Amino acid sequence: MKLTMLGTGNAMVTECYNTCFVLSEGQRHFLVDGGGGNTILRQLARADIDWKDIKDIFITHKHIDHLMGIIWLLRFICQNMNGNKYPGEVNLYAHDELIGLIDQMAHMLLPEKQTRFIGQRVHLIPVSDGETHNILGCKIVFFDIRSTKAKQYGFTMYYDDVEKLTCCGDEPYNPYNRQYAENSTWLLHEAFCLSSQSEIFHPYEKHHSTVKDACQLAEKLQVKNLILYHTEDQNILKRKELYSKEGAAYFSGALYVPDDLQVIQL
């Protein structure tokens, strides 16, 4: 199993792509979020991931920096289905409100010759809090992160019998989801900026965390490996160095501050 970070930035970045990633097992791929536009297609190509091999997609919430790339991907998928160039089917998971929005946007923006595949070979699957699905041969449990903004879901993937990877979405961890995040082998958590620069970036006004916050949380939850994402990009050239240094003071596990397109072996 490997994780490819297609993008690592927050909604307003220009020096990197918006946060989205792919979990892969061989030639099977699970895409989580799509970033803010058609750059998703370029990032997949640069990562040597054939978008036609993506058969499972999960969208955490409706913010445009997570959703709009999915509309582009749906266009490519449906267009190629229409031309008999896309094999098989694709499953798209999200909470019920978001599924309705995606369905509506697709039918408003795409021609009927493409949208006719929605419900036939493109399956829009609403998930509820605590619902389980099998993706990449692994048990995945979706959960409501109890967002303070738009309704948002995260998930935990159980793999290799005793390991688990938890994605908390792009807002601070809510204790309601402790059963999922605690003792995670891998925890993906947003870190909007350094704690030392919180007066510059104002993370709390935006309902986000600092590197210090995320690392203290991971230590408390006894996480083995912490991946920080959804960050600002003004420190992009030294982000890995700066974030790692601040985080090391609060987290004793392995800390990852990935760049766009970085691959992490799980």
Protein backbone atom coordinates (compact mmCIF):
# COMPACT_ATOMS: atom_id res chain seq x y z
CA MET A 1 0.00 0.00 0.00
CA LYS A 2 1.27 3.47 -0.84
CA LEU A 3 -0.02 7.02 -0.51
CA THR A 4 0.62 9.67 -3.15
CA MET A 5 0.05 13.28 -2.14
CA LEU A 6 -1.29 14.97 -5.28
CA GLY A 7 -1.63 18.26 -3.43
CA THR A 8 -0.77 19.56 0.04
CA GLY A 9 -2.06 23.13 0.19
CA ASN A 10 -5.07 24.92 1.63
CA ALA A 11 -7.77 26.65 -0.40
CA MET A 12 -5.80 29.79 -1.27
CA VAL A 13 -2.44 28.36 -2.32
CA THR A 14 -0.78 29.15 -5.65
CA GLU A 15 2.66 27.58 -5.12
CA CYS A 16 1.29 24.04 -4.69
CA TYR A 17 -1.98 22.22 -5.40
CA ASN A 18 -4.95 21.92 -3.05
CA THR A 19 -4.96 18.95 -0.68
CA CYS A 20 -5.90 15.62 -2.28
CA PHE A 21 -4.26 12.21 -2.39
CA VAL A 22 -4.39 8.66 -3.75
CA LEU A 23 -4.12 5.39 -1.87
CA SER A 24 -2.85 2.61 -4.13
CA GLU A 25 -2.54 -1.15 -3.95
CA GLY A 26 -0.86 -2.33 -7.15
CA GLN A 27 -2.86 -0.93 -10.07
CA ARG A 28 -5.93 -0.23 -7.92
CA HIS A 29 -6.37 3.38 -6.81
CA PHE A 30 -8.59 5.17 -4.29
CA LEU A 31 -8.75 8.96 -4.84
CA VAL A 32 -9.56 11.20 -1.89
CA ASP A 33 -10.76 14.67 -2.93
CA GLY A 34 -9.94 16.33 -6.23
CA GLY A 35 -8.45 19.72 -5.54
CA GLY A 36 -9.78 22.90 -7.10
CA GLY A 37 -9.70 22.28 -10.86
CA ASN A 38 -8.38 20.38 -13.86
CA THR A 39 -4.87 20.40 -12.36
CA ILE A 40 -5.98 17.10 -10.82
CA LEU A 41 -5.43 15.51 -14.25
CA ARG A 42 -1.92 16.92 -14.51
CA GLN A 43 -1.03 15.78 -11.00
CA LEU A 44 -2.25 12.25 -11.70
CA ALA A 45 -0.16 12.15 -14.88
CA ARG A 46 2.91 13.44 -13.06
CA ALA A 47 2.40 10.79 -10.38
CA ASP A 48 2.20 8.13 -13.12
CA ILE A 49 -1.33 7.23 -12.05
CA ASP A 50 -3.69 6.49 -14.94
CA TRP A 51 -6.97 8.20 -14.12
CA LYS A 52 -8.76 5.36 -15.92
CA ASP A 53 -7.53 3.03 -13.16
CA ILE A 54 -9.28 5.04 -10.45
CA LYS A 55 -12.40 3.05 -9.58
CA ASP A 56 -13.12 4.48 -6.12
CA ILE A 57 -13.37 8.15 -5.15
CA PHE A 58 -14.23 9.83 -1.85
CA ILE A 59 -15.01 13.52 -1.42
CA THR A 60 -14.79 14.84 2.13
CA HIS A 61 -16.88 18.02 1.74
CA LYS A 62 -18.23 20.61 -0.66
CA HIS A 63 -15.56 23.32 -0.50
CA ILE A 64 -14.33 24.11 -4.00
CA ASP A 65 -10.68 23.33 -3.22
CA HIS A 66 -11.74 19.71 -2.66
CA LEU A 67 -14.65 19.35 -5.07
CA MET A 68 -14.05 21.07 -8.39
CA GLY A 69 -11.35 18.68 -9.59
CA ILE A 70 -13.89 15.87 -9.22
CA ILE A 71 -16.21 17.55 -11.74
CA TRP A 72 -13.35 17.58 -14.26
CA LEU A 73 -12.59 13.95 -13.54
CA LEU A 74 -16.26 13.00 -13.93
CA ARG A 75 -16.28 14.77 -17.30
CA PHE A 76 -13.27 12.76 -18.48
CA ILE A 77 -14.69 9.49 -17.16
CA CYS A 78 -18.15 9.99 -18.71
CA GLN A 79 -16.75 11.30 -21.97
CA ASN A 80 -14.54 8.25 -22.31
CA MET A 81 -17.37 5.92 -21.35
CA ASN A 82 -19.35 7.52 -24.15
CA GLY A 83 -16.49 6.78 -26.54
CA ASN A 84 -16.04 3.21 -25.27
CA LYS A 85 -12.59 4.13 -23.94
CA TYR A 86 -13.18 3.73 -20.19
CA PRO A 87 -13.45 0.15 -18.95
CA GLY A 88 -15.67 -0.86 -16.07
CA GLU A 89 -17.44 1.27 -13.50
CA VAL A 90 -16.52 3.82 -10.83
CA ASN A 91 -17.82 4.37 -7.28
CA LEU A 92 -17.97 7.87 -5.81
CA TYR A 93 -18.59 8.11 -2.05
CA ALA A 94 -19.65 11.18 -0.04
CA HIS A 95 -22.24 12.16 2.56
CA ASP A 96 -25.82 12.48 1.31
CA GLU A 97 -25.89 16.28 0.94
CA LEU A 98 -22.72 16.26 -1.12
CA ILE A 99 -23.89 13.39 -3.33
CA GLY A 100 -26.98 15.45 -4.19
CA LEU A 101 -24.82 18.48 -4.99
CA ILE A 102 -22.45 16.49 -7.22
CA ASP A 103 -25.36 14.94 -9.08
CA GLN A 104 -26.93 18.34 -9.61
CA MET A 105 -23.67 19.98 -10.75
CA ALA A 106 -22.90 17.16 -13.17
CA HIS A 107 -26.34 17.38 -14.80
CA MET A 108 -26.12 21.17 -15.01
CA LEU A 109 -22.59 21.31 -16.43
CA LEU A 110 -22.16 18.18 -18.54
CA PRO A 111 -24.08 17.11 -21.67
CA GLU A 112 -26.71 14.39 -21.47
CA LYS A 113 -24.62 12.01 -23.56
CA GLN A 114 -22.15 11.99 -20.63
CA THR A 115 -24.46 12.24 -17.63
CA ARG A 116 -26.50 9.25 -18.88
CA PHE A 117 -23.79 7.06 -17.32
CA ILE A 118 -24.50 8.41 -13.83
CA GLY A 119 -26.49 5.74 -12.05
CA GLN A 120 -25.47 3.12 -14.60
CA ARG A 121 -21.68 2.92 -14.52
CA VAL A 122 -20.90 5.97 -12.38
CA HIS A 123 -22.30 5.15 -8.96
CA LEU A 124 -22.90 8.06 -6.56
CA ILE A 125 -22.97 6.38 -3.15
CA PRO A 126 -24.13 8.31 -0.07
CA VAL A 127 -22.46 7.21 3.17
CA SER A 128 -23.58 7.72 6.74
CA ASP A 129 -21.65 8.14 9.98
CA GLY A 130 -19.98 4.82 10.89
CA GLU A 131 -20.84 3.14 7.58
CA THR A 132 -18.39 0.49 6.32
CA HIS A 133 -17.31 -0.28 2.75
CA ASN A 134 -14.63 -2.45 1.16
CA ILE A 135 -12.17 -0.49 -0.97
CA LEU A 136 -8.81 -1.75 -2.24
CA GLY A 137 -9.62 -4.98 -0.43
CA CYS A 138 -9.65 -3.13 2.90
CA LYS A 139 -12.34 -2.26 5.42
CA ILE A 140 -13.05 1.47 5.36
CA VAL A 141 -15.26 3.20 7.90
CA PHE A 142 -16.55 6.67 7.02
CA PHE A 143 -17.33 9.08 9.85
CA ASP A 144 -18.76 12.55 10.37
CA ILE A 145 -15.97 14.82 11.62
CA ARG A 146 -18.57 17.16 13.23
CA SER A 147 -17.40 20.10 11.16
CA THR A 148 -17.98 23.62 12.40
CA LYS A 149 -18.37 24.79 8.78
CA ALA A 150 -19.62 22.63 5.90
CA LYS A 151 -20.71 19.07 6.68
CA GLN A 152 -17.62 16.89 6.30
CA TYR A 153 -16.63 13.26 6.56
CA GLY A 154 -13.32 11.50 7.18
CA PHE A 155 -12.47 7.81 7.16
CA THR A 156 -10.36 5.07 8.69
CA MET A 157 -8.84 2.33 6.54
CA TYR A 158 -7.93 -0.96 8.21
CA TYR A 159 -5.20 -2.87 6.37
CA ASP A 160 -2.62 -5.60 6.93
CA ASP A 161 -4.82 -7.02 9.72
CA VAL A 162 -3.63 -4.73 12.53
CA GLU A 163 -2.73 -1.43 10.84
CA LYS A 164 -5.02 1.54 10.29
CA LEU A 165 -4.86 4.86 8.47
CA THR A 166 -7.14 7.71 9.53
CA CYS A 167 -7.98 10.83 7.54
CA CYS A 168 -9.45 13.61 9.69
CA GLY A 169 -10.50 15.84 6.80
CA ASP A 170 -9.31 19.44 6.81
CA GLU A 171 -10.48 20.62 10.22
CA PRO A 172 -9.16 19.93 13.72
CA TYR A 173 -9.83 16.51 15.21
CA ASN A 174 -13.06 16.19 17.15
CA PRO A 175 -12.94 13.96 20.27
CA TYR A 176 -16.19 12.37 19.05
CA ASN A 177 -14.02 10.42 16.58
CA ARG A 178 -11.48 9.18 19.08
CA GLN A 179 -12.30 5.53 18.33
CA TYR A 180 -11.02 6.07 14.77
CA ALA A 181 -8.01 8.32 15.30
CA GLU A 182 -6.56 6.83 18.49
CA ASN A 183 -3.65 4.42 17.97
CA SER A 184 -3.64 5.01 14.23
CA THR A 185 -0.61 3.71 12.39
CA TRP A 186 -0.98 6.72 10.10
CA LEU A 187 -2.89 9.92 10.85
CA LEU A 188 -3.49 12.57 8.19
CA HIS A 189 -4.23 15.89 9.85
CA GLU A 190 -4.36 19.48 8.67
CA ALA A 191 -1.75 21.97 9.87
CA PHE A 192 -2.55 25.40 8.50
CA CYS A 193 0.69 27.01 9.65
CA LEU A 194 3.40 27.08 12.28
CA SER A 195 2.30 27.92 15.81
CA SER A 196 5.01 30.59 15.81
CA GLN A 197 3.27 32.24 12.84
CA SER A 198 -0.32 31.97 14.03
CA GLU A 199 -0.60 35.76 14.31
CA ILE A 200 0.26 36.00 10.61
CA PHE A 201 -2.03 33.28 9.25
CA HIS A 202 -4.83 33.28 11.88
CA PRO A 203 -5.61 29.54 11.73
CA TYR A 204 -8.16 29.55 14.54
CA GLU A 205 -10.32 32.14 12.81
CA LYS A 206 -10.53 29.68 9.90
CA HIS A 207 -11.19 26.66 12.16
CA HIS A 208 -7.76 25.15 11.51
CA SER A 209 -4.77 23.91 13.53
CA THR A 210 -1.10 24.77 13.82
CA VAL A 211 1.75 22.30 13.50
CA LYS A 212 2.10 22.34 17.29
CA ASP A 213 -1.61 21.57 17.75
CA ALA A 214 -1.57 18.63 15.33
CA CYS A 215 1.58 17.17 16.84
CA GLN A 216 0.35 17.47 20.42
CA LEU A 217 -2.85 15.74 19.36
CA ALA A 218 -1.01 12.89 17.62
CA GLU A 219 1.15 12.36 20.70
CA LYS A 220 -1.93 12.24 22.94
CA LEU A 221 -3.64 9.75 20.62
CA GLN A 222 -0.50 7.55 20.47
CA VAL A 223 -0.21 7.81 16.71
CA LYS A 224 2.83 6.18 15.11
CA ASN A 225 3.12 8.26 11.92
CA LEU A 226 1.71 11.75 11.38
CA ILE A 227 1.22 13.37 7.96
CA LEU A 228 0.62 17.12 7.92
CA TYR A 229 -1.20 18.72 4.99
CA HIS A 230 -3.60 21.52 3.98
CA THR A 231 -0.96 24.14 4.75
CA GLU A 232 -0.12 27.68 3.71
CA ASP A 233 2.40 28.07 0.88
CA GLN A 234 4.33 31.20 1.83
CA ASN A 235 6.94 28.95 3.48
CA ILE A 236 6.84 26.40 0.67
CA LEU A 237 10.59 26.28 0.04
CA LYS A 238 11.42 25.65 3.71
CA ARG A 239 8.09 24.21 4.83
CA LYS A 240 9.39 20.69 5.40
CA GLU A 241 12.32 21.95 7.50
CA LEU A 242 10.31 24.49 9.51
CA TYR A 243 7.33 22.26 10.21
CA SER A 244 9.50 19.28 11.11
CA LYS A 245 11.50 21.35 13.57
CA GLU A 246 8.45 22.74 15.34
CA GLY A 247 6.66 19.40 15.33
CA ALA A 248 9.59 17.45 16.76
CA ALA A 249 9.20 19.28 20.06
CA TYR A 250 5.69 17.86 20.54
CA PHE A 251 5.50 14.54 18.69
CA SER A 252 7.77 11.54 19.28
CA GLY A 253 6.59 9.46 16.31
CA ALA A 254 7.54 9.77 12.66
CA LEU A 255 6.51 13.14 11.25
CA TYR A 256 5.91 13.67 7.51
CA VAL A 257 5.56 17.06 5.86
CA PRO A 258 5.13 15.98 2.23
CA ASP A 259 5.53 18.01 -0.92
CA ASP A 260 3.12 17.68 -3.80
CA LEU A 261 3.57 14.33 -5.61
CA GLN A 262 5.55 12.80 -2.75
CA VAL A 263 4.95 9.06 -2.33
CA ILE A 264 4.80 7.49 1.14
CA GLN A 265 5.00 3.75 1.57
CA LEU A 266 2.58 2.58 4.24
